[in-house]
Amino acid sequence: MEQATEVLRYAAFSTTPGGGNPAGVVLDATRLDDALMQAIAADVGYAETVFVTGVAVEGNPRRHRVRFFSPIAEVPFCGHATIALAVALSGRDGTGSFTFDTAVGPVVIETAGQGTAVTARFTSVEPQLAGFPDGILERLLGLLGVVRDDLDPGYPPMVAFAGNWHPILVFADRTTFDSFVFDPAPLRALMDDQHWAGTVTTLCATGPGEFDSRNLFPVGTITEDPATGSAAASFGGYLRLLSLVELPARVVVHQGSHVGRPSVLTVEVPLLGGIIVSGDAVEIS
């Protein structure tokens, strides 16, 4: 299966193969059906694999139709796989602007640099914000073994969207943030029940405009995601929609240290429009 289809592997939001979030990249999936893409994603085993299912949309050689699959299901959007695909395409087609037609709409991504030092930045779809349904926040906190008083009162718990829906929980105390544990199976069940295709995004402020993040994503052998572009975009939208930053703003999110794959995501929050997330990506040998 994987031998018949070339799968590239990139670590996104890192300058080294041992950091960031690994993504599978299939540059030509035009002849693959849904079942085969799902099987390839399961075989690769990364949080997501991205597939280019249509090339040169409307005659534009830098516009492609793409789809994202986790090991168990298709997901509407994946930020780190978007970064990985853009860097891979830059190596083949040159740096500059690309447009990816995704299930949530067109995503524009810019790349710059040369050789192995290419940085990509995507602009998300328009962010949205919603409250938790009755009783769901309490269920989620219970699964993490924490209570409402463990959260930072300056950052109200909400569910944010910029491609995927992500619950946003900001902890007040670094020790609680670092030490909470969870059982993957019931958390996965709650996420599926609530149609949260993204991660459960937990954060802790570490300084002005700086946050550490743990993104819970129980799927297959994975429990926490090392770098989550869609969560970073959703968090940027959350900050803007709740007026928690002075616009335009720049926020740096550090993620992955809890699972041994440190990553850095830069989030630009403009006055209007989509949230911009940028980072590096490097091919995994």
C-alpha atoms as a PDB file:
ATOM      1  CA  MET A   1       0.000   0.000   0.000  1.00  0.00           C
ATOM      2  CA  GLU A   2       2.446   2.658   1.153  1.00  0.00           C
ATOM      3  CA  GLN A   3       5.094   1.182  -1.203  1.00  0.00           C
ATOM      4  CA  ALA A   4       2.872   1.955  -4.219  1.00  0.00           C
ATOM      5  CA  THR A   5       2.221   5.530  -3.125  1.00  0.00           C
ATOM      6  CA  GLU A   6       5.086   7.836  -2.218  1.00  0.00           C
ATOM      7  CA  VAL A   7       4.613   9.266   1.251  1.00  0.00           C
ATOM      8  CA  LEU A   8       6.935  12.052   2.336  1.00  0.00           C
ATOM      9  CA  ARG A   9       7.394  12.744   6.031  1.00  0.00           C
ATOM     10  CA  TYR A  10       7.918  16.206   7.495  1.00  0.00           C
ATOM     11  CA  ALA A  11       8.219  17.585  11.028  1.00  0.00           C
ATOM     12  CA  ALA A  12       6.195  20.817  11.176  1.00  0.00           C
ATOM     13  CA  PHE A  13       6.818  23.752  13.510  1.00  0.00           C
ATOM     14  CA  SER A  14      10.402  22.667  14.082  1.00  0.00           C
ATOM     15  CA  THR A  15      13.824  23.129  12.513  1.00  0.00           C
ATOM     16  CA  THR A  16      14.911  19.596  13.436  1.00  0.00           C
ATOM     17  CA  PRO A  17      13.379  16.218  12.502  1.00  0.00           C
ATOM     18  CA  GLY A  18      13.187  15.240  16.178  1.00  0.00           C
ATOM     19  CA  GLY A  19      10.942  18.148  17.103  1.00  0.00           C
ATOM     20  CA  GLY A  20       7.589  19.452  15.960  1.00  0.00           C
ATOM     21  CA  ASN A  21       4.664  17.412  14.729  1.00  0.00           C
ATOM     22  CA  PRO A  22       5.282  14.739  12.088  1.00  0.00           C
ATOM     23  CA  ALA A  23       2.946  14.729   9.086  1.00  0.00           C
ATOM     24  CA  GLY A  24       2.658  12.400   6.136  1.00  0.00           C
ATOM     25  CA  VAL A  25       2.540  14.178   2.758  1.00  0.00           C
ATOM     26  CA  VAL A  26       1.234  12.605  -0.463  1.00  0.00           C
ATOM     27  CA  LEU A  27       1.833  14.995  -3.364  1.00  0.00           C
ATOM     28  CA  ASP A  28      -0.199  12.968  -5.851  1.00  0.00           C
ATOM     29  CA  ALA A  29      -3.382  11.363  -4.534  1.00  0.00           C
ATOM     30  CA  THR A  30      -5.476  12.005  -7.628  1.00  0.00           C
ATOM     31  CA  ARG A  31      -6.058   8.276  -8.149  1.00  0.00           C
ATOM     32  CA  LEU A  32      -6.638   7.306  -4.529  1.00  0.00           C
ATOM     33  CA  ASP A  33     -10.111   6.650  -3.161  1.00  0.00           C
ATOM     34  CA  ASP A  34     -11.228   7.422   0.380  1.00  0.00           C
ATOM     35  CA  ALA A  35     -10.570   3.936   1.688  1.00  0.00           C
ATOM     36  CA  LEU A  36      -7.011   3.884   0.383  1.00  0.00           C
ATOM     37  CA  MET A  37      -6.214   7.340   1.767  1.00  0.00           C
ATOM     38  CA  GLN A  38      -7.557   6.261   5.139  1.00  0.00           C
ATOM     39  CA  ALA A  39      -5.494   3.072   5.015  1.00  0.00           C
ATOM     40  CA  ILE A  40      -2.326   4.996   4.138  1.00  0.00           C
ATOM     41  CA  ALA A  41      -2.916   7.447   6.998  1.00  0.00           C
ATOM     42  CA  ALA A  42      -3.383   4.548   9.410  1.00  0.00           C
ATOM     43  CA  ASP A  43      -0.229   2.879   8.112  1.00  0.00           C
ATOM     44  CA  VAL A  44       1.820   6.079   8.462  1.00  0.00           C
ATOM     45  CA  GLY A  45       0.492   6.462  11.992  1.00  0.00           C
ATOM     46  CA  TYR A  46       1.044  10.204  12.376  1.00  0.00           C
ATOM     47  CA  ALA A  47      -1.674  12.462  13.763  1.00  0.00           C
ATOM     48  CA  GLU A  48      -2.483  13.470  10.165  1.00  0.00           C
ATOM     49  CA  THR A  49      -1.443  12.762   6.618  1.00  0.00           C
ATOM     50  CA  VAL A  50      -2.296  15.274   3.884  1.00  0.00           C
ATOM     51  CA  PHE A  51      -3.262  14.213   0.365  1.00  0.00           C
ATOM     52  CA  VAL A  52      -3.223  16.390  -2.770  1.00  0.00           C
ATOM     53  CA  THR A  53      -6.370  15.134  -4.490  1.00  0.00           C
ATOM     54  CA  GLY A  54      -6.586  17.786  -7.208  1.00  0.00           C
ATOM     55  CA  VAL A  55      -3.793  19.733  -8.881  1.00  0.00           C
ATOM     56  CA  ALA A  56      -3.820  23.091 -10.654  1.00  0.00           C
ATOM     57  CA  VAL A  57      -7.388  23.956  -9.658  1.00  0.00           C
ATOM     58  CA  GLU A  58      -8.958  26.341 -12.208  1.00  0.00           C
ATOM     59  CA  GLY A  59      -5.716  26.205 -14.160  1.00  0.00           C
ATOM     60  CA  ASN A  60      -3.652  27.746 -11.342  1.00  0.00           C
ATOM     61  CA  PRO A  61      -0.479  25.640 -10.935  1.00  0.00           C
ATOM     62  CA  ARG A  62      -0.144  26.790  -7.319  1.00  0.00           C
ATOM     63  CA  ARG A  63      -3.703  25.971  -6.251  1.00  0.00           C
ATOM     64  CA  HIS A  64      -4.498  22.426  -5.150  1.00  0.00           C
ATOM     65  CA  ARG A  65      -7.360  20.491  -3.608  1.00  0.00           C
ATOM     66  CA  VAL A  66      -6.264  18.739  -0.403  1.00  0.00           C
ATOM     67  CA  ARG A  67      -7.710  16.398   2.201  1.00  0.00           C
ATOM     68  CA  PHE A  68      -6.501  15.403   5.658  1.00  0.00           C
ATOM     69  CA  PHE A  69      -6.782  12.010   7.361  1.00  0.00           C
ATOM     70  CA  SER A  70      -5.908  10.970  10.892  1.00  0.00           C
ATOM     71  CA  PRO A  71      -5.252   7.256  11.498  1.00  0.00           C
ATOM     72  CA  ILE A  72      -8.976   6.743  12.198  1.00  0.00           C
ATOM     73  CA  ALA A  73     -10.932   9.349  10.209  1.00  0.00           C
ATOM     74  CA  GLU A  74     -10.880  12.253   7.803  1.00  0.00           C
ATOM     75  CA  VAL A  75     -10.538  15.657   9.482  1.00  0.00           C
ATOM     76  CA  PRO A  76     -11.708  18.947   7.955  1.00  0.00           C
ATOM     77  CA  PHE A  77      -8.430  20.815   8.392  1.00  0.00           C
ATOM     78  CA  CYS A  78      -4.952  20.268   9.803  1.00  0.00           C
ATOM     79  CA  GLY A  79      -2.564  23.152  10.373  1.00  0.00           C
ATOM     80  CA  HIS A  80       0.704  21.274  10.818  1.00  0.00           C
ATOM     81  CA  ALA A  81       0.086  19.126   7.733  1.00  0.00           C
ATOM     82  CA  THR A  82      -0.699  22.333   5.800  1.00  0.00           C
ATOM     83  CA  ILE A  83       2.695  23.744   6.829  1.00  0.00           C
ATOM     84  CA  ALA A  84       4.387  20.455   5.890  1.00  0.00           C
ATOM     85  CA  LEU A  85       2.712  20.292   2.473  1.00  0.00           C
ATOM     86  CA  ALA A  86       3.575  23.902   1.660  1.00  0.00           C
ATOM     87  CA  VAL A  87       7.251  23.358   2.494  1.00  0.00           C
ATOM     88  CA  ALA A  88       7.300  20.128   0.451  1.00  0.00           C
ATOM     89  CA  LEU A  89       5.728  21.895  -2.539  1.00  0.00           C
ATOM     90  CA  SER A  90       8.192  24.765  -2.178  1.00  0.00           C
ATOM     91  CA  GLY A  91      11.029  22.306  -2.608  1.00  0.00           C
ATOM     92  CA  ARG A  92       9.470  21.129  -5.859  1.00  0.00           C
ATOM     93  CA  ASP A  93       7.836  24.274  -7.267  1.00  0.00           C
ATOM     94  CA  GLY A  94       9.684  27.125  -5.549  1.00  0.00           C
ATOM     95  CA  THR A  95       8.677  29.331  -2.653  1.00  0.00           C
ATOM     96  CA  GLY A  96       5.856  31.840  -2.819  1.00  0.00           C
ATOM     97  CA  SER A  97       2.098  31.668  -2.390  1.00  0.00           C
ATOM     98  CA  PHE A  98      -0.086  28.551  -2.549  1.00  0.00           C
ATOM     99  CA  THR A  99      -3.821  28.092  -2.142  1.00  0.00           C
ATOM    100  CA  PHE A 100      -5.199  24.854  -0.723  1.00  0.00           C
ATOM    101  CA  ASP A 101      -8.875  24.090  -1.253  1.00  0.00           C
ATOM    102  CA  THR A 102      -9.920  22.291   1.957  1.00  0.00           C
ATOM    103  CA  ALA A 103     -13.184  21.029   3.392  1.00  0.00           C
ATOM    104  CA  VAL A 104     -13.491  24.273   5.389  1.00  0.00           C
ATOM    105  CA  GLY A 105     -12.711  26.532   2.440  1.00  0.00           C
ATOM    106  CA  PRO A 106      -9.654  27.904   0.642  1.00  0.00           C
ATOM    107  CA  VAL A 107      -6.547  28.433   2.771  1.00  0.00           C
ATOM    108  CA  VAL A 108      -3.796  30.717   1.488  1.00  0.00           C
ATOM    109  CA  ILE A 109      -0.259  29.900   2.587  1.00  0.00           C
ATOM    110  CA  GLU A 110       2.957  31.806   1.958  1.00  0.00           C
ATOM    111  CA  THR A 111       6.421  30.253   1.948  1.00  0.00           C
ATOM    112  CA  ALA A 112       9.824  31.921   2.060  1.00  0.00           C
ATOM    113  CA  GLY A 113      13.444  30.881   2.420  1.00  0.00           C
ATOM    114  CA  GLN A 114      15.613  28.418   0.578  1.00  0.00           C
ATOM    115  CA  GLY A 115      16.976  24.900   0.800  1.00  0.00           C
ATOM    116  CA  THR A 116      16.106  23.266   4.086  1.00  0.00           C
ATOM    117  CA  ALA A 117      15.332  26.619   5.755  1.00  0.00           C
ATOM    118  CA  VAL A 118      11.800  27.281   4.482  1.00  0.00           C
ATOM    119  CA  THR A 119       9.151  28.924   6.647  1.00  0.00           C
ATOM    120  CA  ALA A 120       5.431  28.730   5.885  1.00  0.00           C
ATOM    121  CA  ARG A 121       2.529  30.843   7.139  1.00  0.00           C
ATOM    122  CA  PHE A 122      -1.139  30.110   6.551  1.00  0.00           C
ATOM    123  CA  THR A 123      -4.167  32.317   6.993  1.00  0.00           C
ATOM    124  CA  SER A 124      -7.081  30.489   8.587  1.00  0.00           C
ATOM    125  CA  VAL A 125     -10.732  30.769   7.736  1.00  0.00           C
ATOM    126  CA  GLU A 126     -12.747  33.291   9.755  1.00  0.00           C
ATOM    127  CA  PRO A 127     -12.652  32.301  13.443  1.00  0.00           C
ATOM    128  CA  GLN A 128     -15.745  31.576  15.515  1.00  0.00           C
ATOM    129  CA  LEU A 129     -16.444  31.136  19.215  1.00  0.00           C
ATOM    130  CA  ALA A 130     -19.057  29.160  21.153  1.00  0.00           C
ATOM    131  CA  GLY A 131     -19.841  28.262  24.729  1.00  0.00           C
ATOM    132  CA  PHE A 132     -19.812  24.745  26.142  1.00  0.00           C
ATOM    133  CA  PRO A 133     -23.169  22.937  26.132  1.00  0.00           C
ATOM    134  CA  ASP A 134     -24.692  22.398  29.564  1.00  0.00           C
ATOM    135  CA  GLY A 135     -22.637  20.002  31.660  1.00  0.00           C
ATOM    136  CA  ILE A 136     -19.917  19.408  29.055  1.00  0.00           C
ATOM    137  CA  LEU A 137     -17.247  21.643  30.611  1.00  0.00           C
ATOM    138  CA  GLU A 138     -17.694  19.845  33.918  1.00  0.00           C
ATOM    139  CA  ARG A 139     -17.374  16.464  32.176  1.00  0.00           C
ATOM    140  CA  LEU A 140     -14.210  17.589  30.409  1.00  0.00           C
ATOM    141  CA  LEU A 141     -12.608  18.959  33.560  1.00  0.00           C
ATOM    142  CA  GLY A 142     -13.538  15.769  35.412  1.00  0.00           C
ATOM    143  CA  LEU A 143     -11.757  13.681  32.770  1.00  0.00           C
ATOM    144  CA  LEU A 144      -8.611  15.761  33.361  1.00  0.00           C
ATOM    145  CA  GLY A 145      -8.922  15.476  37.142  1.00  0.00           C
ATOM    146  CA  VAL A 146      -9.162  19.247  37.606  1.00  0.00           C
ATOM    147  CA  VAL A 147     -11.836  21.748  38.674  1.00  0.00           C
ATOM    148  CA  ARG A 148     -13.025  25.140  37.453  1.00  0.00           C
ATOM    149  CA  ASP A 149     -10.916  26.927  40.081  1.00  0.00           C
ATOM    150  CA  ASP A 150      -7.769  25.497  38.408  1.00  0.00           C
ATOM    151  CA  LEU A 151      -8.451  27.673  35.343  1.00  0.00           C
ATOM    152  CA  ASP A 152      -7.193  31.219  34.865  1.00  0.00           C
ATOM    153  CA  PRO A 153     -10.170  33.540  35.485  1.00  0.00           C
ATOM    154  CA  GLY A 154      -8.819  35.950  32.874  1.00  0.00           C
ATOM    155  CA  TYR A 155      -9.344  33.391  30.105  1.00  0.00           C
ATOM    156  CA  PRO A 156     -12.888  31.986  30.162  1.00  0.00           C
ATOM    157  CA  PRO A 157     -13.275  28.399  28.909  1.00  0.00           C
ATOM    158  CA  MET A 158     -14.817  28.399  25.433  1.00  0.00           C
ATOM    159  CA  VAL A 159     -14.853  26.346  22.228  1.00  0.00           C
ATOM    160  CA  ALA A 160     -13.054  28.087  19.361  1.00  0.00           C
ATOM    161  CA  PHE A 161     -12.966  27.456  15.612  1.00  0.00           C
ATOM    162  CA  ALA A 162     -10.535  28.415  12.842  1.00  0.00           C
ATOM    163  CA  GLY A 163     -10.804  25.257  10.747  1.00  0.00           C
ATOM    164  CA  ASN A 164     -11.597  22.780  13.524  1.00  0.00           C
ATOM    165  CA  TRP A 165     -13.472  23.198  16.819  1.00  0.00           C
ATOM    166  CA  HIS A 166     -11.121  23.230  19.822  1.00  0.00           C
ATOM    167  CA  PRO A 167     -12.115  23.521  23.483  1.00  0.00           C
ATOM    168  CA  ILE A 168      -9.835  26.170  25.041  1.00  0.00           C
ATOM    169  CA  LEU A 169      -8.781  25.760  28.679  1.00  0.00           C
ATOM    170  CA  VAL A 170      -6.173  28.133  30.164  1.00  0.00           C
ATOM    171  CA  PHE A 171      -4.709  27.012  33.487  1.00  0.00           C
ATOM    172  CA  ALA A 172      -3.808  29.435  36.260  1.00  0.00           C
ATOM    173  CA  ASP A 173      -1.041  27.317  37.803  1.00  0.00           C
ATOM    174  CA  ARG A 174       1.897  25.891  35.898  1.00  0.00           C
ATOM    175  CA  THR A 175       2.216  22.864  38.167  1.00  0.00           C
ATOM    176  CA  THR A 176      -1.399  21.816  37.584  1.00  0.00           C
ATOM    177  CA  PHE A 177      -0.991  22.383  33.843  1.00  0.00           C
ATOM    178  CA  ASP A 178       2.153  20.244  33.718  1.00  0.00           C
ATOM    179  CA  SER A 179       0.862  17.424  35.897  1.00  0.00           C
ATOM    180  CA  PHE A 180      -2.747  16.692  34.926  1.00  0.00           C
ATOM    181  CA  VAL A 181      -3.349  13.244  33.394  1.00  0.00           C
ATOM    182  CA  PHE A 182      -6.250  11.678  31.543  1.00  0.00           C
ATOM    183  CA  ASP A 183      -7.583   8.383  30.255  1.00  0.00           C
ATOM    184  CA  PRO A 184      -7.535   8.569  26.432  1.00  0.00           C
ATOM    185  CA  ALA A 185     -10.621   6.401  25.764  1.00  0.00           C
ATOM    186  CA  PRO A 186     -13.296   8.415  27.629  1.00  0.00           C
ATOM    187  CA  LEU A 187     -11.768  11.678  26.397  1.00  0.00           C
ATOM    188  CA  ARG A 188     -11.964  10.394  22.824  1.00  0.00           C
ATOM    189  CA  ALA A 189     -15.582   9.419  23.396  1.00  0.00           C
ATOM    190  CA  LEU A 190     -16.443  12.900  24.670  1.00  0.00           C
ATOM    191  CA  MET A 191     -14.652  14.545  21.725  1.00  0.00           C
ATOM    192  CA  ASP A 192     -16.516  12.375  19.240  1.00  0.00           C
ATOM    193  CA  ASP A 193     -19.814  13.022  21.000  1.00  0.00           C
ATOM    194  CA  GLN A 194     -19.247  16.794  20.790  1.00  0.00           C
ATOM    195  CA  HIS A 195     -17.863  16.648  17.210  1.00  0.00           C
ATOM    196  CA  TRP A 196     -14.570  18.209  18.273  1.00  0.00           C
ATOM    197  CA  ALA A 197     -12.439  17.227  15.276  1.00  0.00           C
ATOM    198  CA  GLY A 198      -9.467  19.167  16.618  1.00  0.00           C
ATOM    199  CA  THR A 199      -7.600  18.850  19.879  1.00  0.00           C
ATOM    200  CA  VAL A 200      -8.599  19.700  23.419  1.00  0.00           C
ATOM    201  CA  THR A 201      -6.343  22.738  23.741  1.00  0.00           C
ATOM    202  CA  THR A 202      -4.919  23.473  27.175  1.00  0.00           C
ATOM    203  CA  LEU A 203      -2.573  26.380  27.795  1.00  0.00           C
ATOM    204  CA  CYS A 204      -0.700  28.253  30.496  1.00  0.00           C
ATOM    205  CA  ALA A 205       0.609  31.816  30.137  1.00  0.00           C
ATOM    206  CA  THR A 206       4.387  31.966  30.565  1.00  0.00           C
ATOM    207  CA  GLY A 207       4.982  35.658  29.847  1.00  0.00           C
ATOM    208  CA  PRO A 208       3.614  38.591  27.844  1.00  0.00           C
ATOM    209  CA  GLY A 209       2.379  37.138  24.562  1.00  0.00           C
ATOM    210  CA  GLU A 210       3.848  33.705  25.383  1.00  0.00           C
ATOM    211  CA  PHE A 211       1.993  30.488  26.173  1.00  0.00           C
ATOM    212  CA  ASP A 212       2.871  26.852  26.697  1.00  0.00           C
ATOM    213  CA  SER A 213       0.311  24.432  25.312  1.00  0.00           C
ATOM    214  CA  ARG A 214      -0.681  20.787  25.665  1.00  0.00           C
ATOM    215  CA  ASN A 215      -3.057  19.620  22.934  1.00  0.00           C
ATOM    216  CA  LEU A 216      -4.918  16.441  23.824  1.00  0.00           C
ATOM    217  CA  PHE A 217      -5.609  14.252  20.798  1.00  0.00           C
ATOM    218  CA  PRO A 218      -6.219  10.593  21.675  1.00  0.00           C
ATOM    219  CA  VAL A 219      -6.100   8.695  18.385  1.00  0.00           C
ATOM    220  CA  GLY A 220      -4.341   5.380  17.835  1.00  0.00           C
ATOM    221  CA  THR A 221      -1.117   5.395  19.839  1.00  0.00           C
ATOM    222  CA  ILE A 222      -1.163   9.214  20.124  1.00  0.00           C
ATOM    223  CA  THR A 223      -2.437  10.948  23.251  1.00  0.00           C
ATOM    224  CA  GLU A 224      -1.048  14.491  22.885  1.00  0.00           C
ATOM    225  CA  ASP A 225      -0.292  16.387  19.684  1.00  0.00           C
ATOM    226  CA  PRO A 226       3.206  17.961  19.550  1.00  0.00           C
ATOM    227  CA  ALA A 227       2.176  20.975  17.407  1.00  0.00           C
ATOM    228  CA  THR A 228      -1.327  21.966  16.350  1.00  0.00           C
ATOM    229  CA  GLY A 229      -1.679  24.742  13.784  1.00  0.00           C
ATOM    230  CA  SER A 230      -5.470  24.742  13.765  1.00  0.00           C
ATOM    231  CA  ALA A 231      -5.495  25.032  17.567  1.00  0.00           C
ATOM    232  CA  ALA A 232      -3.052  27.942  17.431  1.00  0.00           C
ATOM    233  CA  ALA A 233      -5.304  29.681  14.893  1.00  0.00           C
ATOM    234  CA  SER A 234      -8.384  28.951  16.991  1.00  0.00           C
ATOM    235  CA  PHE A 235      -6.645  30.341  20.073  1.00  0.00           C
ATOM    236  CA  GLY A 236      -5.752  33.493  18.140  1.00  0.00           C
ATOM    237  CA  GLY A 237      -9.401  33.874  17.178  1.00  0.00           C
ATOM    238  CA  TYR A 238     -10.426  33.260  20.804  1.00  0.00           C
ATOM    239  CA  LEU A 239      -8.103  36.038  21.983  1.00  0.00           C
ATOM    240  CA  ARG A 240      -9.489  38.489  19.438  1.00  0.00           C
ATOM    241  CA  LEU A 241     -13.172  37.665  19.844  1.00  0.00           C
ATOM    242  CA  LEU A 242     -12.915  38.011  23.639  1.00  0.00           C
ATOM    243  CA  SER A 243     -10.807  41.219  23.355  1.00  0.00           C
ATOM    244  CA  LEU A 244      -7.986  39.641  25.388  1.00  0.00           C
ATOM    245  CA  VAL A 245      -5.188  41.174  23.283  1.00  0.00           C
ATOM    246  CA  GLU A 246      -4.497  44.607  21.849  1.00  0.00           C
ATOM    247  CA  LEU A 247      -4.785  44.337  18.077  1.00  0.00           C
ATOM    248  CA  PRO A 248      -2.902  43.638  15.951  1.00  0.00           C
ATOM    249  CA  ALA A 249      -1.195  41.099  18.186  1.00  0.00           C
ATOM    250  CA  ARG A 250       1.585  38.532  17.947  1.00  0.00           C
ATOM    251  CA  VAL A 251       1.520  35.491  20.227  1.00  0.00           C
ATOM    252  CA  VAL A 252       4.077  32.687  20.495  1.00  0.00           C
ATOM    253  CA  VAL A 253       2.859  29.221  21.462  1.00  0.00           C
ATOM    254  CA  HIS A 254       5.340  26.596  22.674  1.00  0.00           C
ATOM    255  CA  GLN A 255       4.052  23.051  22.436  1.00  0.00           C
ATOM    256  CA  GLY A 256       5.307  19.465  22.420  1.00  0.00           C
ATOM    257  CA  SER A 257       7.760  19.521  25.318  1.00  0.00           C
ATOM    258  CA  HIS A 258       5.461  17.221  27.299  1.00  0.00           C
ATOM    259  CA  VAL A 259       5.778  14.527  24.611  1.00  0.00           C
ATOM    260  CA  GLY A 260       9.449  15.057  23.776  1.00  0.00           C
ATOM    261  CA  ARG A 261       8.915  16.929  20.477  1.00  0.00           C
ATOM    262  CA  PRO A 262       9.274  20.675  21.225  1.00  0.00           C
ATOM    263  CA  SER A 263       7.725  23.033  18.709  1.00  0.00           C
ATOM    264  CA  VAL A 264       7.146  26.752  18.211  1.00  0.00           C
ATOM    265  CA  LEU A 265       4.069  28.274  16.569  1.00  0.00           C
ATOM    266  CA  THR A 266       3.837  31.997  15.870  1.00  0.00           C
ATOM    267  CA  VAL A 267       0.306  33.409  15.826  1.00  0.00           C
ATOM    268  CA  GLU A 268      -0.500  36.785  14.278  1.00  0.00           C
ATOM    269  CA  VAL A 269      -3.900  38.211  15.193  1.00  0.00           C
ATOM    270  CA  PRO A 270      -4.969  40.949  12.750  1.00  0.00           C
ATOM    271  CA  LEU A 271      -7.814  43.386  13.215  1.00  0.00           C
ATOM    272  CA  LEU A 272     -10.049  41.448  10.833  1.00  0.00           C
ATOM    273  CA  GLY A 273     -10.085  38.231   8.835  1.00  0.00           C
ATOM    274  CA  GLY A 274      -8.343  34.919   9.359  1.00  0.00           C
ATOM    275  CA  ILE A 275      -5.633  34.220  11.908  1.00  0.00           C
ATOM    276  CA  ILE A 276      -2.082  33.795  10.589  1.00  0.00           C
ATOM    277  CA  VAL A 277       0.005  30.901  11.897  1.00  0.00           C
ATOM    278  CA  SER A 278       3.628  30.409  10.854  1.00  0.00           C
ATOM    279  CA  GLY A 279       6.439  27.965  11.473  1.00  0.00           C
ATOM    280  CA  ASP A 280       9.214  25.907   9.970  1.00  0.00           C
ATOM    281  CA  ALA A 281       9.139  22.368   8.619  1.00  0.00           C
ATOM    282  CA  VAL A 282      11.916  19.917   7.877  1.00  0.00           C
ATOM    283  CA  GLU A 283      11.886  16.590   6.076  1.00  0.00           C
ATOM    284  CA  ILE A 284      12.275  13.460   8.174  1.00  0.00           C
ATOM    285  CA  SER A 285      14.764  11.072   6.605  1.00  0.00           C
END
